[in-house]
Amino acid sequence: MNNLNRKIRELENNVVDDDIDESTCHVDLTEAPQAERELHYTAQDILQKYQNGNTVSVTQETVLDQSCKLLTTRGFLLFRKMVKAMCFIDDSVYSGVFDMRLMWFLNESVKLGNQTQEMVKLEKENANLDEDSLEEKRISLENTFEDLWTEKSFDAYEREQTLKMFERIQAKINPADPASVTTEQLTQYLMRGEKGNEAT
């Protein structure tokens, strides 16, 4: 085993080059719709004008938020496409598992951000308390937080997303009354596959 480990380290040293330049990738806004381009350009103007910490208006903040959301979405889709192309090729099963896990991770990250904001707010509102009293409030707040990145958390997210998926399928099968769709109709729809669904 020691000989094997030594040979692996030798191989790593021969293959890995510390001087390899990092590759870059970017979203080309010139390919985006005109309305989206104008939104990003407006956001850039706002950032340049208020980069010294000046207050932005509610409307300007909305523009910045929307621009950030669109860029984040495009970056996510680019990352998702590259990972699928490099790792999963056209395997829909592996691709679906990756999507579920990735979206769950992002969802948990948002929850963590919200929890952090709640804790910061708590500390600001109780800045006049002594450390022991403040710690009690921290612990009390933490006890209300759900555990993140656990098997239980993923199972709950998977059930929620699966339910939403079936609700969307029901709405496609019978838009007028989705709740009336039977298990047999759902099974037939799923058995037809993507090509069959596109043809209907």
Protein backbone atom coordinates (compact mmCIF):
# COMPACT_ATOMS: atom_id res chain seq x y z
CA MET A 1 0.00 0.00 0.00
CA ASN A 2 2.88 2.37 0.84
CA ASN A 3 4.44 1.69 -2.56
CA LEU A 4 1.11 2.42 -4.24
CA ASN A 5 0.71 5.72 -2.38
CA ARG A 6 4.27 6.70 -3.31
CA LYS A 7 3.68 5.95 -6.98
CA ILE A 8 0.41 7.97 -6.93
CA ARG A 9 2.23 10.97 -5.42
CA GLU A 10 4.95 10.66 -8.04
CA LEU A 11 2.33 10.58 -10.77
CA GLU A 12 0.63 13.67 -9.32
CA ASN A 13 3.92 15.54 -9.19
CA ASN A 14 4.63 14.67 -12.80
CA VAL A 15 1.16 15.58 -14.07
CA VAL A 16 0.14 18.61 -12.03
CA ASP A 17 1.76 21.87 -13.09
CA ASP A 18 1.56 24.70 -10.54
CA ASP A 19 2.13 27.22 -13.33
CA ILE A 20 -1.01 26.33 -15.29
CA ASP A 21 -2.93 29.49 -16.08
CA GLU A 22 -6.50 29.62 -14.87
CA SER A 23 -9.00 29.58 -17.70
CA THR A 24 -11.70 32.20 -17.87
CA CYS A 25 -15.31 32.10 -18.94
CA HIS A 26 -17.83 34.90 -19.23
CA VAL A 27 -21.40 35.61 -20.21
CA ASP A 28 -21.58 37.55 -23.47
CA LEU A 29 -24.23 40.22 -22.96
CA THR A 30 -24.17 41.11 -26.65
CA GLU A 31 -26.10 37.88 -27.25
CA ALA A 32 -28.77 38.78 -24.67
CA PRO A 33 -32.13 40.34 -25.65
CA GLN A 34 -32.05 44.12 -26.01
CA ALA A 35 -34.24 44.69 -22.95
CA GLU A 36 -31.87 42.65 -20.80
CA ARG A 37 -28.80 44.43 -22.16
CA GLU A 38 -30.33 47.82 -21.38
CA LEU A 39 -31.14 46.64 -17.86
CA HIS A 40 -27.52 45.58 -17.22
CA TYR A 41 -26.13 48.79 -18.70
CA THR A 42 -28.45 50.83 -16.47
CA ALA A 43 -27.31 48.81 -13.47
CA GLN A 44 -23.66 49.49 -14.36
CA ASP A 45 -24.36 53.23 -14.56
CA ILE A 46 -26.03 53.14 -11.14
CA LEU A 47 -23.09 51.29 -9.60
CA GLN A 48 -20.56 53.73 -11.07
CA LYS A 49 -22.54 56.74 -9.88
CA TYR A 50 -23.08 55.46 -6.36
CA GLN A 51 -19.87 53.49 -5.81
CA ASN A 52 -18.80 55.91 -3.05
CA GLY A 53 -21.58 54.73 -0.78
CA ASN A 54 -24.32 57.16 -1.73
CA THR A 55 -27.88 56.00 -1.18
CA VAL A 56 -29.79 54.56 -4.13
CA SER A 57 -33.52 54.93 -4.64
CA VAL A 58 -35.98 52.07 -4.34
CA THR A 59 -36.36 51.97 -8.13
CA GLN A 60 -32.60 51.86 -8.65
CA GLU A 61 -32.25 49.12 -6.07
CA THR A 62 -34.89 47.10 -7.94
CA VAL A 63 -32.90 47.51 -11.17
CA LEU A 64 -29.72 46.31 -9.44
CA ASP A 65 -31.49 43.33 -7.90
CA GLN A 66 -33.04 42.27 -11.21
CA SER A 67 -29.74 42.65 -13.05
CA CYS A 68 -27.99 40.55 -10.41
CA LYS A 69 -30.68 37.85 -10.60
CA LEU A 70 -30.44 37.62 -14.39
CA LEU A 71 -26.63 37.42 -14.35
CA THR A 72 -26.72 34.80 -11.59
CA THR A 73 -29.24 32.76 -13.56
CA ARG A 74 -27.13 32.91 -16.72
CA GLY A 75 -24.01 31.96 -14.76
CA PHE A 76 -25.83 29.04 -13.16
CA LEU A 77 -27.15 27.79 -16.51
CA LEU A 78 -23.64 28.03 -17.99
CA PHE A 79 -22.17 26.07 -15.08
CA ARG A 80 -24.96 23.48 -15.31
CA LYS A 81 -24.46 23.03 -19.05
CA MET A 82 -20.68 22.63 -18.71
CA VAL A 83 -20.92 20.06 -15.90
CA LYS A 84 -23.49 18.03 -17.83
CA ALA A 85 -21.40 18.12 -20.98
CA MET A 86 -18.20 17.08 -19.17
CA CYS A 87 -19.63 14.54 -16.70
CA PHE A 88 -22.98 13.19 -17.80
CA ILE A 89 -23.02 13.59 -21.60
CA ASP A 90 -26.69 12.90 -22.43
CA ASP A 91 -27.59 10.64 -19.51
CA SER A 92 -30.94 11.99 -18.31
CA VAL A 93 -30.86 9.99 -15.05
CA TYR A 94 -27.48 11.29 -13.87
CA SER A 95 -28.38 14.73 -15.15
CA GLY A 96 -31.61 14.71 -13.16
CA VAL A 97 -29.84 13.64 -9.97
CA PHE A 98 -27.27 16.39 -10.45
CA ASP A 99 -29.99 19.01 -10.97
CA MET A 100 -31.83 17.92 -7.83
CA ARG A 101 -28.70 17.95 -5.68
CA LEU A 102 -27.48 21.27 -7.05
CA MET A 103 -30.79 23.05 -6.58
CA TRP A 104 -31.05 21.63 -3.06
CA PHE A 105 -27.57 22.94 -2.25
CA LEU A 106 -28.46 26.40 -3.56
CA ASN A 107 -31.74 26.33 -1.63
CA GLU A 108 -29.86 25.45 1.57
CA SER A 109 -27.39 28.28 0.87
CA VAL A 110 -30.24 30.78 0.66
CA LYS A 111 -31.60 29.49 3.98
CA LEU A 112 -28.17 29.90 5.57
CA GLY A 113 -28.01 33.48 4.30
CA ASN A 114 -31.43 34.21 5.80
CA GLN A 115 -30.40 32.68 9.12
CA THR A 116 -27.23 34.78 9.17
CA GLN A 117 -29.24 37.94 8.50
CA GLU A 118 -31.61 37.09 11.35
CA MET A 119 -28.67 36.63 13.71
CA VAL A 120 -27.09 39.94 12.66
CA LYS A 121 -30.43 41.69 13.16
CA LEU A 122 -30.78 40.14 16.61
CA GLU A 123 -27.33 41.34 17.67
CA LYS A 124 -27.97 44.86 16.42
CA GLU A 125 -31.32 45.12 18.19
CA ASN A 126 -29.80 43.86 21.45
CA ALA A 127 -26.42 45.56 21.34
CA ASN A 128 -27.00 47.07 24.79
CA LEU A 129 -27.28 43.65 26.50
CA ASP A 130 -24.42 42.01 28.36
CA GLU A 131 -22.70 39.08 26.65
CA ASP A 132 -24.45 36.37 28.69
CA SER A 133 -27.93 37.74 27.98
CA LEU A 134 -27.09 38.19 24.31
CA GLU A 135 -25.81 34.63 24.11
CA GLU A 136 -29.10 33.36 25.53
CA LYS A 137 -30.98 35.16 22.78
CA ARG A 138 -28.59 33.75 20.16
CA ILE A 139 -29.17 30.21 21.41
CA SER A 140 -32.93 30.76 21.51
CA LEU A 141 -32.89 31.97 17.91
CA GLU A 142 -30.60 29.17 16.74
CA ASN A 143 -33.03 26.62 18.18
CA THR A 144 -35.64 27.88 15.70
CA PHE A 145 -33.31 27.29 12.73
CA GLU A 146 -33.70 24.09 10.76
CA ASP A 147 -30.62 21.91 10.22
CA LEU A 148 -29.06 22.46 6.81
CA TRP A 149 -27.26 20.10 4.41
CA THR A 150 -28.54 16.98 6.13
CA GLU A 151 -30.10 13.81 4.72
CA LYS A 152 -33.40 14.79 6.33
CA SER A 153 -33.24 18.20 4.69
CA PHE A 154 -32.59 16.70 1.26
CA ASP A 155 -35.39 14.15 1.63
CA ALA A 156 -37.85 16.95 2.46
CA TYR A 157 -36.66 19.02 -0.51
CA GLU A 158 -36.86 16.04 -2.86
CA ARG A 159 -40.44 15.27 -1.76
CA GLU A 160 -41.44 18.91 -2.21
CA GLN A 161 -39.94 19.14 -5.71
CA THR A 162 -41.39 15.79 -6.76
CA LEU A 163 -44.84 16.94 -5.67
CA LYS A 164 -44.44 20.17 -7.63
CA MET A 165 -43.34 18.19 -10.69
CA PHE A 166 -46.46 16.02 -10.58
CA GLU A 167 -48.63 19.11 -10.10
CA ARG A 168 -47.11 20.62 -13.26
CA ILE A 169 -47.73 17.39 -15.17
CA GLN A 170 -51.35 17.29 -13.96
CA ALA A 171 -51.82 20.85 -15.18
CA LYS A 172 -50.46 19.85 -18.61
CA ILE A 173 -52.72 16.82 -18.89
CA ASN A 174 -55.86 18.61 -17.80
CA PRO A 175 -55.42 22.40 -17.44
CA ALA A 176 -59.11 22.88 -16.60
CA ASP A 177 -59.09 20.45 -13.65
CA PRO A 178 -55.60 19.17 -12.72
CA ALA A 179 -56.84 17.50 -9.55
CA SER A 180 -59.02 15.12 -11.58
CA VAL A 181 -56.03 13.52 -13.34
CA THR A 182 -55.84 9.82 -12.46
CA THR A 183 -52.78 7.75 -11.61
CA GLU A 184 -53.25 5.85 -14.89
CA GLN A 185 -53.15 9.12 -16.87
CA LEU A 186 -49.98 10.17 -15.04
CA THR A 187 -48.36 6.81 -15.76
CA GLN A 188 -49.25 6.96 -19.46
CA TYR A 189 -47.87 10.49 -19.70
CA LEU A 190 -44.57 9.52 -18.07
CA MET A 191 -44.26 6.31 -20.12
CA ARG A 192 -44.56 8.27 -23.38
CA GLY A 193 -41.39 10.11 -22.55
CA GLU A 194 -40.24 13.56 -23.63
CA LYS A 195 -40.73 12.97 -27.37
CA GLY A 196 -44.26 11.77 -26.90
CA ASN A 197 -45.06 14.68 -24.62
CA GLU A 198 -43.70 17.19 -27.12
CA ALA A 199 -45.88 15.69 -29.85
CA THR A 200 -49.07 16.15 -27.84
